[in-house]
Amino acid sequence: MATLPKVVGRVRELRAAVAGFRAEGAKVALVPTMGALHAGHVALVDRARQMAGRVVVSIFVNPAQFAPHEDFSSYPRALEADLIKLAEAGVDLVYAPTATEMYPAGFATRIEVGGPSEGLETDFRPHFFGGVATVVGKLFIQCRPDFAMFGEKDYQQLKVVTRLSRDLDLGVEVVPVPTTREEDGLALSSRNAYLDEDERRIAPVIHTALTRAAEAIRAGTAPEVAVATAAGMIAALGLKVDYVAARNADTLAPLKAAGEPIRLLAAAWLGTTRLIDNMAV
């Protein structure tokens, strides 16, 4: 078995380790995660290793991005299993801070990003991107990586974090990594563990509906018609649809003109599990 990566939990330890990587002349890539790692996270690490000589993975279930009624307390946590996966993937350092380390007593700052955060997830989880932007901003400042890997599965988050790094001159290149899927198309997510056997069988309908919508748009169907059809297809299997939308792929603004790059995005509840997915047109 591969040697487990070194784990640090304090900012000063993280910075000292990264300074050592810099002294070697290495570029540093950060892969921010909330743990409960799966093949999608490993794909992020693989991309990080392609781009940088040293790879840091953070594991932190961020309370600031969960509303009181959401699944913070039940979110999957599996640090020992995560470390084994990261050892096999060739990770150099794991940063696993406590909530107190990230948000010490008296912490009173929150980062809000406009632009790509507006609408979609924000309509249903208004707290979410402020929590994401704050923790990612802290991670970028704490680690000071050259690159940070974010999966396209959380496409709106990817765009928010990209805007954050650019707008605040954080000097981190945010690198998008394609969504990793099961054979039936279901996007990998730590929350898939919540699905029972029947729900797991139904869950790929979101991917199927988005695939058909993208094909229809490419064939000339109006985007608003295609997404309405996709929403109906998803709802027909018993899911509660939060949204199915066609947005500008770069800005996530509503579509205004012919020829814009289009991204389809969807979120729906299957039982007690909220699933999201997206697709390029």
C-alpha atoms as a PDB file:
ATOM      1  CA  MET A   1       0.000   0.000   0.000  1.00  0.00           C
ATOM      2  CA  ALA A   2       1.214   3.501  -0.790  1.00  0.00           C
ATOM      3  CA  THR A   3       2.422   5.629   2.105  1.00  0.00           C
ATOM      4  CA  LEU A   4      -0.336   7.859   3.437  1.00  0.00           C
ATOM      5  CA  PRO A   5       0.164  11.560   2.672  1.00  0.00           C
ATOM      6  CA  LYS A   6       1.148  13.927   5.445  1.00  0.00           C
ATOM      7  CA  VAL A   7      -1.866  15.538   7.104  1.00  0.00           C
ATOM      8  CA  VAL A   8      -1.772  19.019   8.623  1.00  0.00           C
ATOM      9  CA  GLY A   9      -4.562  20.885  10.344  1.00  0.00           C
ATOM     10  CA  ARG A  10      -3.232  24.374  10.976  1.00  0.00           C
ATOM     11  CA  VAL A  11      -2.620  27.277   8.616  1.00  0.00           C
ATOM     12  CA  ARG A  12       0.971  27.703   9.779  1.00  0.00           C
ATOM     13  CA  GLU A  13       1.707  24.030   9.065  1.00  0.00           C
ATOM     14  CA  LEU A  14       0.149  24.282   5.619  1.00  0.00           C
ATOM     15  CA  ARG A  15       2.155  27.381   4.758  1.00  0.00           C
ATOM     16  CA  ALA A  16       5.398  25.828   6.005  1.00  0.00           C
ATOM     17  CA  ALA A  17       4.830  22.723   3.867  1.00  0.00           C
ATOM     18  CA  VAL A  18       3.976  24.774   0.775  1.00  0.00           C
ATOM     19  CA  ALA A  19       7.060  26.934   1.365  1.00  0.00           C
ATOM     20  CA  GLY A  20       9.092  23.721   1.273  1.00  0.00           C
ATOM     21  CA  PHE A  21       7.526  22.793  -2.067  1.00  0.00           C
ATOM     22  CA  ARG A  22       8.368  26.254  -3.392  1.00  0.00           C
ATOM     23  CA  ALA A  23      11.961  25.902  -2.213  1.00  0.00           C
ATOM     24  CA  GLU A  24      12.199  22.823  -4.454  1.00  0.00           C
ATOM     25  CA  GLY A  25      11.075  24.975  -7.372  1.00  0.00           C
ATOM     26  CA  ALA A  26       7.752  23.142  -7.612  1.00  0.00           C
ATOM     27  CA  LYS A  27       4.448  24.515  -8.818  1.00  0.00           C
ATOM     28  CA  VAL A  28       1.626  23.770  -6.383  1.00  0.00           C
ATOM     29  CA  ALA A  29      -1.926  22.651  -7.196  1.00  0.00           C
ATOM     30  CA  LEU A  30      -4.771  22.659  -4.685  1.00  0.00           C
ATOM     31  CA  VAL A  31      -7.794  20.346  -4.854  1.00  0.00           C
ATOM     32  CA  PRO A  32     -10.438  21.642  -2.420  1.00  0.00           C
ATOM     33  CA  THR A  33     -12.857  18.930  -1.236  1.00  0.00           C
ATOM     34  CA  MET A  34     -15.330  18.167   1.527  1.00  0.00           C
ATOM     35  CA  GLY A  35     -14.082  14.583   1.751  1.00  0.00           C
ATOM     36  CA  ALA A  36     -16.105  11.401   1.140  1.00  0.00           C
ATOM     37  CA  LEU A  37     -13.918  11.067  -1.927  1.00  0.00           C
ATOM     38  CA  HIS A  38     -14.867   9.206  -5.087  1.00  0.00           C
ATOM     39  CA  ALA A  39     -13.496   8.749  -8.606  1.00  0.00           C
ATOM     40  CA  GLY A  40     -14.480  12.300  -9.513  1.00  0.00           C
ATOM     41  CA  HIS A  41     -12.158  13.662  -6.845  1.00  0.00           C
ATOM     42  CA  VAL A  42      -9.395  11.350  -8.035  1.00  0.00           C
ATOM     43  CA  ALA A  43      -9.837  12.815 -11.532  1.00  0.00           C
ATOM     44  CA  LEU A  44      -9.247  16.271 -10.008  1.00  0.00           C
ATOM     45  CA  VAL A  45      -6.054  14.998  -8.375  1.00  0.00           C
ATOM     46  CA  ASP A  46      -4.895  13.396 -11.624  1.00  0.00           C
ATOM     47  CA  ARG A  47      -5.346  16.719 -13.437  1.00  0.00           C
ATOM     48  CA  ALA A  48      -3.515  18.506 -10.638  1.00  0.00           C
ATOM     49  CA  ARG A  49      -0.571  16.137 -10.963  1.00  0.00           C
ATOM     50  CA  GLN A  50      -0.424  16.866 -14.700  1.00  0.00           C
ATOM     51  CA  MET A  51      -0.118  20.588 -14.025  1.00  0.00           C
ATOM     52  CA  ALA A  52       2.010  20.842 -10.888  1.00  0.00           C
ATOM     53  CA  GLY A  53       4.919  19.169  -9.181  1.00  0.00           C
ATOM     54  CA  ARG A  54       3.171  19.091  -5.806  1.00  0.00           C
ATOM     55  CA  VAL A  55      -0.499  18.463  -5.008  1.00  0.00           C
ATOM     56  CA  VAL A  56      -2.338  19.577  -1.880  1.00  0.00           C
ATOM     57  CA  VAL A  57      -5.857  18.296  -1.133  1.00  0.00           C
ATOM     58  CA  SER A  58      -7.982  20.082   1.432  1.00  0.00           C
ATOM     59  CA  ILE A  59     -10.691  18.175   3.289  1.00  0.00           C
ATOM     60  CA  PHE A  60     -13.142  20.403   5.110  1.00  0.00           C
ATOM     61  CA  VAL A  61     -16.909  20.105   5.421  1.00  0.00           C
ATOM     62  CA  ASN A  62     -17.658  23.818   5.341  1.00  0.00           C
ATOM     63  CA  PRO A  63     -20.477  24.781   7.720  1.00  0.00           C
ATOM     64  CA  ALA A  64     -20.787  28.212   6.102  1.00  0.00           C
ATOM     65  CA  GLN A  65     -22.320  26.771   2.938  1.00  0.00           C
ATOM     66  CA  PHE A  66     -25.038  24.760   4.674  1.00  0.00           C
ATOM     67  CA  ALA A  67     -28.346  26.258   5.780  1.00  0.00           C
ATOM     68  CA  PRO A  68     -29.665  25.129   9.182  1.00  0.00           C
ATOM     69  CA  HIS A  69     -32.133  22.700   7.554  1.00  0.00           C
ATOM     70  CA  GLU A  70     -29.521  21.095   5.275  1.00  0.00           C
ATOM     71  CA  ASP A  71     -27.351  18.014   5.696  1.00  0.00           C
ATOM     72  CA  PHE A  72     -24.223  19.371   7.411  1.00  0.00           C
ATOM     73  CA  SER A  73     -24.415  16.943  10.342  1.00  0.00           C
ATOM     74  CA  SER A  74     -25.122  13.920   8.135  1.00  0.00           C
ATOM     75  CA  TYR A  75     -22.790  14.794   5.243  1.00  0.00           C
ATOM     76  CA  PRO A  76     -20.566  11.736   4.598  1.00  0.00           C
ATOM     77  CA  ARG A  77     -17.238  11.830   6.422  1.00  0.00           C
ATOM     78  CA  ALA A  78     -14.595   9.134   5.851  1.00  0.00           C
ATOM     79  CA  LEU A  79     -11.132  10.571   6.508  1.00  0.00           C
ATOM     80  CA  GLU A  80      -9.263   7.255   6.828  1.00  0.00           C
ATOM     81  CA  ALA A  81     -10.697   5.909   3.562  1.00  0.00           C
ATOM     82  CA  ASP A  82     -10.043   9.275   1.920  1.00  0.00           C
ATOM     83  CA  LEU A  83      -6.370   9.180   2.904  1.00  0.00           C
ATOM     84  CA  ILE A  84      -5.947   5.741   1.367  1.00  0.00           C
ATOM     85  CA  LYS A  85      -7.432   6.971  -1.908  1.00  0.00           C
ATOM     86  CA  LEU A  86      -5.208  10.051  -1.846  1.00  0.00           C
ATOM     87  CA  ALA A  87      -2.115   7.958  -1.161  1.00  0.00           C
ATOM     88  CA  GLU A  88      -2.882   5.825  -4.198  1.00  0.00           C
ATOM     89  CA  ALA A  89      -3.424   8.990  -6.247  1.00  0.00           C
ATOM     90  CA  GLY A  90      -0.013  10.391  -5.307  1.00  0.00           C
ATOM     91  CA  VAL A  91      -1.076  13.379  -3.205  1.00  0.00           C
ATOM     92  CA  ASP A  92       1.739  15.152  -1.362  1.00  0.00           C
ATOM     93  CA  LEU A  93      -0.153  16.884   1.444  1.00  0.00           C
ATOM     94  CA  VAL A  94      -3.632  16.857   2.985  1.00  0.00           C
ATOM     95  CA  TYR A  95      -4.928  19.951   4.753  1.00  0.00           C
ATOM     96  CA  ALA A  96      -7.730  18.970   7.138  1.00  0.00           C
ATOM     97  CA  PRO A  97      -8.479  21.963   9.350  1.00  0.00           C
ATOM     98  CA  THR A  98     -11.081  22.081  12.090  1.00  0.00           C
ATOM     99  CA  ALA A  99     -14.001  24.496  11.930  1.00  0.00           C
ATOM    100  CA  THR A 100     -12.307  26.513  14.675  1.00  0.00           C
ATOM    101  CA  GLU A 101      -9.126  26.816  12.602  1.00  0.00           C
ATOM    102  CA  MET A 102     -11.083  28.086   9.601  1.00  0.00           C
ATOM    103  CA  TYR A 103     -13.548  30.214  11.543  1.00  0.00           C
ATOM    104  CA  PRO A 104     -11.968  31.238  14.857  1.00  0.00           C
ATOM    105  CA  ALA A 105     -13.918  33.000  17.578  1.00  0.00           C
ATOM    106  CA  GLY A 106     -15.089  36.404  16.397  1.00  0.00           C
ATOM    107  CA  PHE A 107     -14.865  35.561  12.685  1.00  0.00           C
ATOM    108  CA  ALA A 108     -17.036  38.168  10.959  1.00  0.00           C
ATOM    109  CA  THR A 109     -16.106  38.295   7.257  1.00  0.00           C
ATOM    110  CA  ARG A 110     -18.016  36.920   4.301  1.00  0.00           C
ATOM    111  CA  ILE A 111     -17.178  37.113   0.593  1.00  0.00           C
ATOM    112  CA  GLU A 112     -20.062  37.645  -1.807  1.00  0.00           C
ATOM    113  CA  VAL A 113     -19.593  37.182  -5.561  1.00  0.00           C
ATOM    114  CA  GLY A 114     -22.162  38.619  -7.977  1.00  0.00           C
ATOM    115  CA  GLY A 115     -22.299  37.808 -11.679  1.00  0.00           C
ATOM    116  CA  PRO A 116     -22.365  34.030 -12.125  1.00  0.00           C
ATOM    117  CA  SER A 117     -23.797  33.449  -8.645  1.00  0.00           C
ATOM    118  CA  GLU A 118     -27.089  35.121  -9.534  1.00  0.00           C
ATOM    119  CA  GLY A 119     -30.073  32.810  -9.994  1.00  0.00           C
ATOM    120  CA  LEU A 120     -30.116  29.006 -10.361  1.00  0.00           C
ATOM    121  CA  GLU A 121     -28.667  27.638  -7.101  1.00  0.00           C
ATOM    122  CA  THR A 122     -29.007  31.010  -5.382  1.00  0.00           C
ATOM    123  CA  ASP A 123     -32.791  30.955  -5.929  1.00  0.00           C
ATOM    124  CA  PHE A 124     -32.995  27.845  -3.765  1.00  0.00           C
ATOM    125  CA  ARG A 125     -29.879  28.095  -1.567  1.00  0.00           C
ATOM    126  CA  PRO A 126     -29.287  31.849  -1.083  1.00  0.00           C
ATOM    127  CA  HIS A 127     -26.629  31.236   1.560  1.00  0.00           C
ATOM    128  CA  PHE A 128     -24.583  28.817  -0.529  1.00  0.00           C
ATOM    129  CA  PHE A 129     -22.200  30.818  -2.689  1.00  0.00           C
ATOM    130  CA  GLY A 130     -21.299  33.245   0.074  1.00  0.00           C
ATOM    131  CA  GLY A 131     -20.170  30.244   2.111  1.00  0.00           C
ATOM    132  CA  VAL A 132     -18.311  28.742  -0.852  1.00  0.00           C
ATOM    133  CA  ALA A 133     -16.605  32.006  -1.799  1.00  0.00           C
ATOM    134  CA  THR A 134     -15.536  32.675   1.782  1.00  0.00           C
ATOM    135  CA  VAL A 135     -13.990  29.260   2.360  1.00  0.00           C
ATOM    136  CA  VAL A 136     -12.366  29.102  -1.080  1.00  0.00           C
ATOM    137  CA  GLY A 137     -10.981  32.613  -0.633  1.00  0.00           C
ATOM    138  CA  LYS A 138      -9.480  31.526   2.674  1.00  0.00           C
ATOM    139  CA  LEU A 139      -8.048  28.331   1.173  1.00  0.00           C
ATOM    140  CA  PHE A 140      -6.451  30.264  -1.694  1.00  0.00           C
ATOM    141  CA  ILE A 141      -4.892  32.761   0.719  1.00  0.00           C
ATOM    142  CA  GLN A 142      -3.785  30.058   3.156  1.00  0.00           C
ATOM    143  CA  CYS A 143      -2.240  27.754   0.541  1.00  0.00           C
ATOM    144  CA  ARG A 144      -1.337  30.255  -2.212  1.00  0.00           C
ATOM    145  CA  PRO A 145      -1.381  27.599  -4.937  1.00  0.00           C
ATOM    146  CA  ASP A 146      -0.602  28.197  -8.598  1.00  0.00           C
ATOM    147  CA  PHE A 147      -3.620  26.143  -9.682  1.00  0.00           C
ATOM    148  CA  ALA A 148      -6.877  24.958  -8.145  1.00  0.00           C
ATOM    149  CA  MET A 149      -8.972  22.151  -9.620  1.00  0.00           C
ATOM    150  CA  PHE A 150     -12.760  22.365  -9.676  1.00  0.00           C
ATOM    151  CA  GLY A 151     -15.130  19.885 -11.304  1.00  0.00           C
ATOM    152  CA  GLU A 152     -17.567  20.911 -14.010  1.00  0.00           C
ATOM    153  CA  LYS A 153     -20.268  18.908 -12.207  1.00  0.00           C
ATOM    154  CA  ASP A 154     -20.731  21.928  -9.938  1.00  0.00           C
ATOM    155  CA  TYR A 155     -20.675  24.263 -12.934  1.00  0.00           C
ATOM    156  CA  GLN A 156     -22.086  27.376 -11.297  1.00  0.00           C
ATOM    157  CA  GLN A 157     -19.660  26.950  -8.401  1.00  0.00           C
ATOM    158  CA  LEU A 158     -16.812  26.641 -10.917  1.00  0.00           C
ATOM    159  CA  LYS A 159     -17.806  29.940 -12.516  1.00  0.00           C
ATOM    160  CA  VAL A 160     -18.212  31.679  -9.149  1.00  0.00           C
ATOM    161  CA  VAL A 161     -14.784  30.555  -7.948  1.00  0.00           C
ATOM    162  CA  THR A 162     -13.189  31.569 -11.254  1.00  0.00           C
ATOM    163  CA  ARG A 163     -14.740  35.047 -10.928  1.00  0.00           C
ATOM    164  CA  LEU A 164     -13.623  35.256  -7.295  1.00  0.00           C
ATOM    165  CA  SER A 165      -9.976  34.534  -8.106  1.00  0.00           C
ATOM    166  CA  ARG A 166      -9.937  37.010 -10.989  1.00  0.00           C
ATOM    167  CA  ASP A 167     -11.772  39.820  -9.244  1.00  0.00           C
ATOM    168  CA  LEU A 168      -9.672  39.696  -6.072  1.00  0.00           C
ATOM    169  CA  ASP A 169      -6.342  39.164  -7.883  1.00  0.00           C
ATOM    170  CA  LEU A 170      -5.688  36.005  -5.877  1.00  0.00           C
ATOM    171  CA  GLY A 171      -3.234  34.732  -8.483  1.00  0.00           C
ATOM    172  CA  VAL A 172      -4.761  31.252  -8.658  1.00  0.00           C
ATOM    173  CA  GLU A 173      -5.616  29.704 -12.017  1.00  0.00           C
ATOM    174  CA  VAL A 174      -8.909  27.860 -11.574  1.00  0.00           C
ATOM    175  CA  VAL A 175      -8.790  24.745 -13.754  1.00  0.00           C
ATOM    176  CA  PRO A 176     -12.073  23.089 -14.839  1.00  0.00           C
ATOM    177  CA  VAL A 177     -12.136  19.281 -14.864  1.00  0.00           C
ATOM    178  CA  PRO A 178     -14.842  17.344 -16.765  1.00  0.00           C
ATOM    179  CA  THR A 179     -17.575  15.572 -14.818  1.00  0.00           C
ATOM    180  CA  THR A 180     -16.923  11.941 -13.931  1.00  0.00           C
ATOM    181  CA  ARG A 181     -19.959   9.736 -14.499  1.00  0.00           C
ATOM    182  CA  GLU A 182     -21.230   6.249 -13.813  1.00  0.00           C
ATOM    183  CA  GLU A 183     -21.810   4.042 -16.850  1.00  0.00           C
ATOM    184  CA  ASP A 184     -25.491   5.042 -16.917  1.00  0.00           C
ATOM    185  CA  GLY A 185     -24.611   8.747 -16.947  1.00  0.00           C
ATOM    186  CA  LEU A 186     -25.199   9.663 -13.308  1.00  0.00           C
ATOM    187  CA  ALA A 187     -22.719  12.335 -12.233  1.00  0.00           C
ATOM    188  CA  LEU A 188     -20.579  11.155  -9.334  1.00  0.00           C
ATOM    189  CA  SER A 189     -21.368  12.927  -6.081  1.00  0.00           C
ATOM    190  CA  SER A 190     -20.728  12.176  -2.422  1.00  0.00           C
ATOM    191  CA  ARG A 191     -24.471  12.659  -1.873  1.00  0.00           C
ATOM    192  CA  ASN A 192     -25.251   9.714  -4.175  1.00  0.00           C
ATOM    193  CA  ALA A 193     -24.615   7.594  -1.097  1.00  0.00           C
ATOM    194  CA  TYR A 194     -27.992   8.798   0.196  1.00  0.00           C
ATOM    195  CA  LEU A 195     -29.881   7.112  -2.694  1.00  0.00           C
ATOM    196  CA  ASP A 196     -31.641   3.824  -2.077  1.00  0.00           C
ATOM    197  CA  GLU A 197     -31.702   1.112  -4.750  1.00  0.00           C
ATOM    198  CA  ASP A 198     -34.858   2.345  -6.497  1.00  0.00           C
ATOM    199  CA  GLU A 199     -33.731   5.972  -6.396  1.00  0.00           C
ATOM    200  CA  ARG A 200     -30.325   5.050  -7.796  1.00  0.00           C
ATOM    201  CA  ARG A 201     -32.042   3.382 -10.746  1.00  0.00           C
ATOM    202  CA  ILE A 202     -34.087   6.530 -11.467  1.00  0.00           C
ATOM    203  CA  ALA A 203     -31.361   9.134 -10.861  1.00  0.00           C
ATOM    204  CA  PRO A 204     -29.771   9.062 -14.367  1.00  0.00           C
ATOM    205  CA  VAL A 205     -32.947  10.610 -15.817  1.00  0.00           C
ATOM    206  CA  ILE A 206     -31.442  14.063 -15.234  1.00  0.00           C
ATOM    207  CA  HIS A 207     -28.474  13.272 -17.454  1.00  0.00           C
ATOM    208  CA  THR A 208     -30.718  11.661 -20.050  1.00  0.00           C
ATOM    209  CA  ALA A 209     -33.066  14.649 -20.112  1.00  0.00           C
ATOM    210  CA  LEU A 210     -30.211  17.128 -20.473  1.00  0.00           C
ATOM    211  CA  THR A 211     -28.662  15.033 -23.248  1.00  0.00           C
ATOM    212  CA  ARG A 212     -31.909  15.069 -25.197  1.00  0.00           C
ATOM    213  CA  ALA A 213     -32.363  18.800 -24.600  1.00  0.00           C
ATOM    214  CA  ALA A 214     -28.855  19.539 -25.875  1.00  0.00           C
ATOM    215  CA  GLU A 215     -29.493  17.426 -28.975  1.00  0.00           C
ATOM    216  CA  ALA A 216     -32.791  19.212 -29.584  1.00  0.00           C
ATOM    217  CA  ILE A 217     -31.198  22.652 -29.292  1.00  0.00           C
ATOM    218  CA  ARG A 218     -28.432  21.673 -31.691  1.00  0.00           C
ATOM    219  CA  ALA A 219     -31.149  20.517 -34.099  1.00  0.00           C
ATOM    220  CA  GLY A 220     -32.873  23.904 -33.949  1.00  0.00           C
ATOM    221  CA  THR A 221     -35.339  23.655 -31.066  1.00  0.00           C
ATOM    222  CA  ALA A 222     -35.655  26.859 -29.028  1.00  0.00           C
ATOM    223  CA  PRO A 223     -33.741  26.511 -25.727  1.00  0.00           C
ATOM    224  CA  GLU A 224     -36.785  27.429 -23.621  1.00  0.00           C
ATOM    225  CA  VAL A 225     -38.799  24.655 -25.285  1.00  0.00           C
ATOM    226  CA  ALA A 226     -36.025  22.107 -24.861  1.00  0.00           C
ATOM    227  CA  VAL A 227     -35.542  22.819 -21.147  1.00  0.00           C
ATOM    228  CA  ALA A 228     -39.280  22.728 -20.501  1.00  0.00           C
ATOM    229  CA  THR A 229     -39.433  19.301 -22.119  1.00  0.00           C
ATOM    230  CA  ALA A 230     -36.448  18.143 -20.049  1.00  0.00           C
ATOM    231  CA  ALA A 231     -38.062  19.380 -16.834  1.00  0.00           C
ATOM    232  CA  GLY A 232     -41.223  17.455 -17.709  1.00  0.00           C
ATOM    233  CA  MET A 233     -39.237  14.290 -18.373  1.00  0.00           C
ATOM    234  CA  ILE A 234     -37.503  14.560 -14.997  1.00  0.00           C
ATOM    235  CA  ALA A 235     -40.711  15.315 -13.113  1.00  0.00           C
ATOM    236  CA  ALA A 236     -42.502  12.404 -14.791  1.00  0.00           C
ATOM    237  CA  LEU A 237     -40.310   9.978 -12.822  1.00  0.00           C
ATOM    238  CA  GLY A 238     -41.300  11.558  -9.533  1.00  0.00           C
ATOM    239  CA  LEU A 239     -38.455  14.014  -8.970  1.00  0.00           C
ATOM    240  CA  LYS A 240     -39.196  17.504  -7.638  1.00  0.00           C
ATOM    241  CA  VAL A 241     -37.531  19.879 -10.086  1.00  0.00           C
ATOM    242  CA  ASP A 242     -35.899  23.030  -8.707  1.00  0.00           C
ATOM    243  CA  TYR A 243     -34.792  24.210 -12.123  1.00  0.00           C
ATOM    244  CA  VAL A 244     -33.793  23.202 -15.612  1.00  0.00           C
ATOM    245  CA  ALA A 245     -32.259  26.175 -17.405  1.00  0.00           C
ATOM    246  CA  ALA A 246     -30.295  27.200 -20.457  1.00  0.00           C
ATOM    247  CA  ARG A 247     -27.738  29.905 -19.693  1.00  0.00           C
ATOM    248  CA  ASN A 248     -24.764  31.596 -21.310  1.00  0.00           C
ATOM    249  CA  ALA A 249     -21.955  29.083 -20.786  1.00  0.00           C
ATOM    250  CA  ASP A 250     -19.400  31.757 -19.918  1.00  0.00           C
ATOM    251  CA  THR A 251     -21.331  34.179 -17.704  1.00  0.00           C
ATOM    252  CA  LEU A 252     -24.378  32.113 -16.678  1.00  0.00           C
ATOM    253  CA  ALA A 253     -26.532  35.106 -17.599  1.00  0.00           C
ATOM    254  CA  PRO A 254     -29.913  34.382 -19.220  1.00  0.00           C
ATOM    255  CA  LEU A 255     -29.688  33.866 -22.976  1.00  0.00           C
ATOM    256  CA  LYS A 256     -30.244  36.998 -25.027  1.00  0.00           C
ATOM    257  CA  ALA A 257     -28.907  36.440 -28.539  1.00  0.00           C
ATOM    258  CA  ALA A 258     -28.581  33.692 -31.117  1.00  0.00           C
ATOM    259  CA  GLY A 259     -25.173  32.084 -31.267  1.00  0.00           C
ATOM    260  CA  GLU A 260     -24.322  32.396 -27.572  1.00  0.00           C
ATOM    261  CA  PRO A 261     -22.475  29.446 -26.028  1.00  0.00           C
ATOM    262  CA  ILE A 262     -25.076  27.513 -24.048  1.00  0.00           C
ATOM    263  CA  ARG A 263     -24.860  25.471 -20.862  1.00  0.00           C
ATOM    264  CA  LEU A 264     -27.810  23.481 -19.601  1.00  0.00           C
ATOM    265  CA  LEU A 265     -28.103  23.217 -15.818  1.00  0.00           C
ATOM    266  CA  ALA A 266     -30.521  21.252 -13.660  1.00  0.00           C
ATOM    267  CA  ALA A 267     -31.285  20.545 -10.019  1.00  0.00           C
ATOM    268  CA  ALA A 268     -33.952  18.205  -8.671  1.00  0.00           C
ATOM    269  CA  TRP A 269     -34.882  16.326  -5.531  1.00  0.00           C
ATOM    270  CA  LEU A 270     -35.096  12.542  -5.622  1.00  0.00           C
ATOM    271  CA  GLY A 271     -36.621  11.625  -2.301  1.00  0.00           C
ATOM    272  CA  THR A 272     -34.519  13.438   0.280  1.00  0.00           C
ATOM    273  CA  THR A 273     -31.470  13.764  -2.001  1.00  0.00           C
ATOM    274  CA  ARG A 274     -30.817  16.838  -4.107  1.00  0.00           C
ATOM    275  CA  LEU A 275     -29.057  16.080  -7.391  1.00  0.00           C
ATOM    276  CA  ILE A 276     -27.476  18.586  -9.781  1.00  0.00           C
ATOM    277  CA  ASP A 277     -26.025  18.185 -13.260  1.00  0.00           C
ATOM    278  CA  ASN A 278     -25.203  20.222 -16.333  1.00  0.00           C
ATOM    279  CA  MET A 279     -24.208  19.818 -19.953  1.00  0.00           C
ATOM    280  CA  ALA A 280     -22.673  21.837 -22.761  1.00  0.00           C
ATOM    281  CA  VAL A 281     -24.724  22.351 -25.910  1.00  0.00           C
END
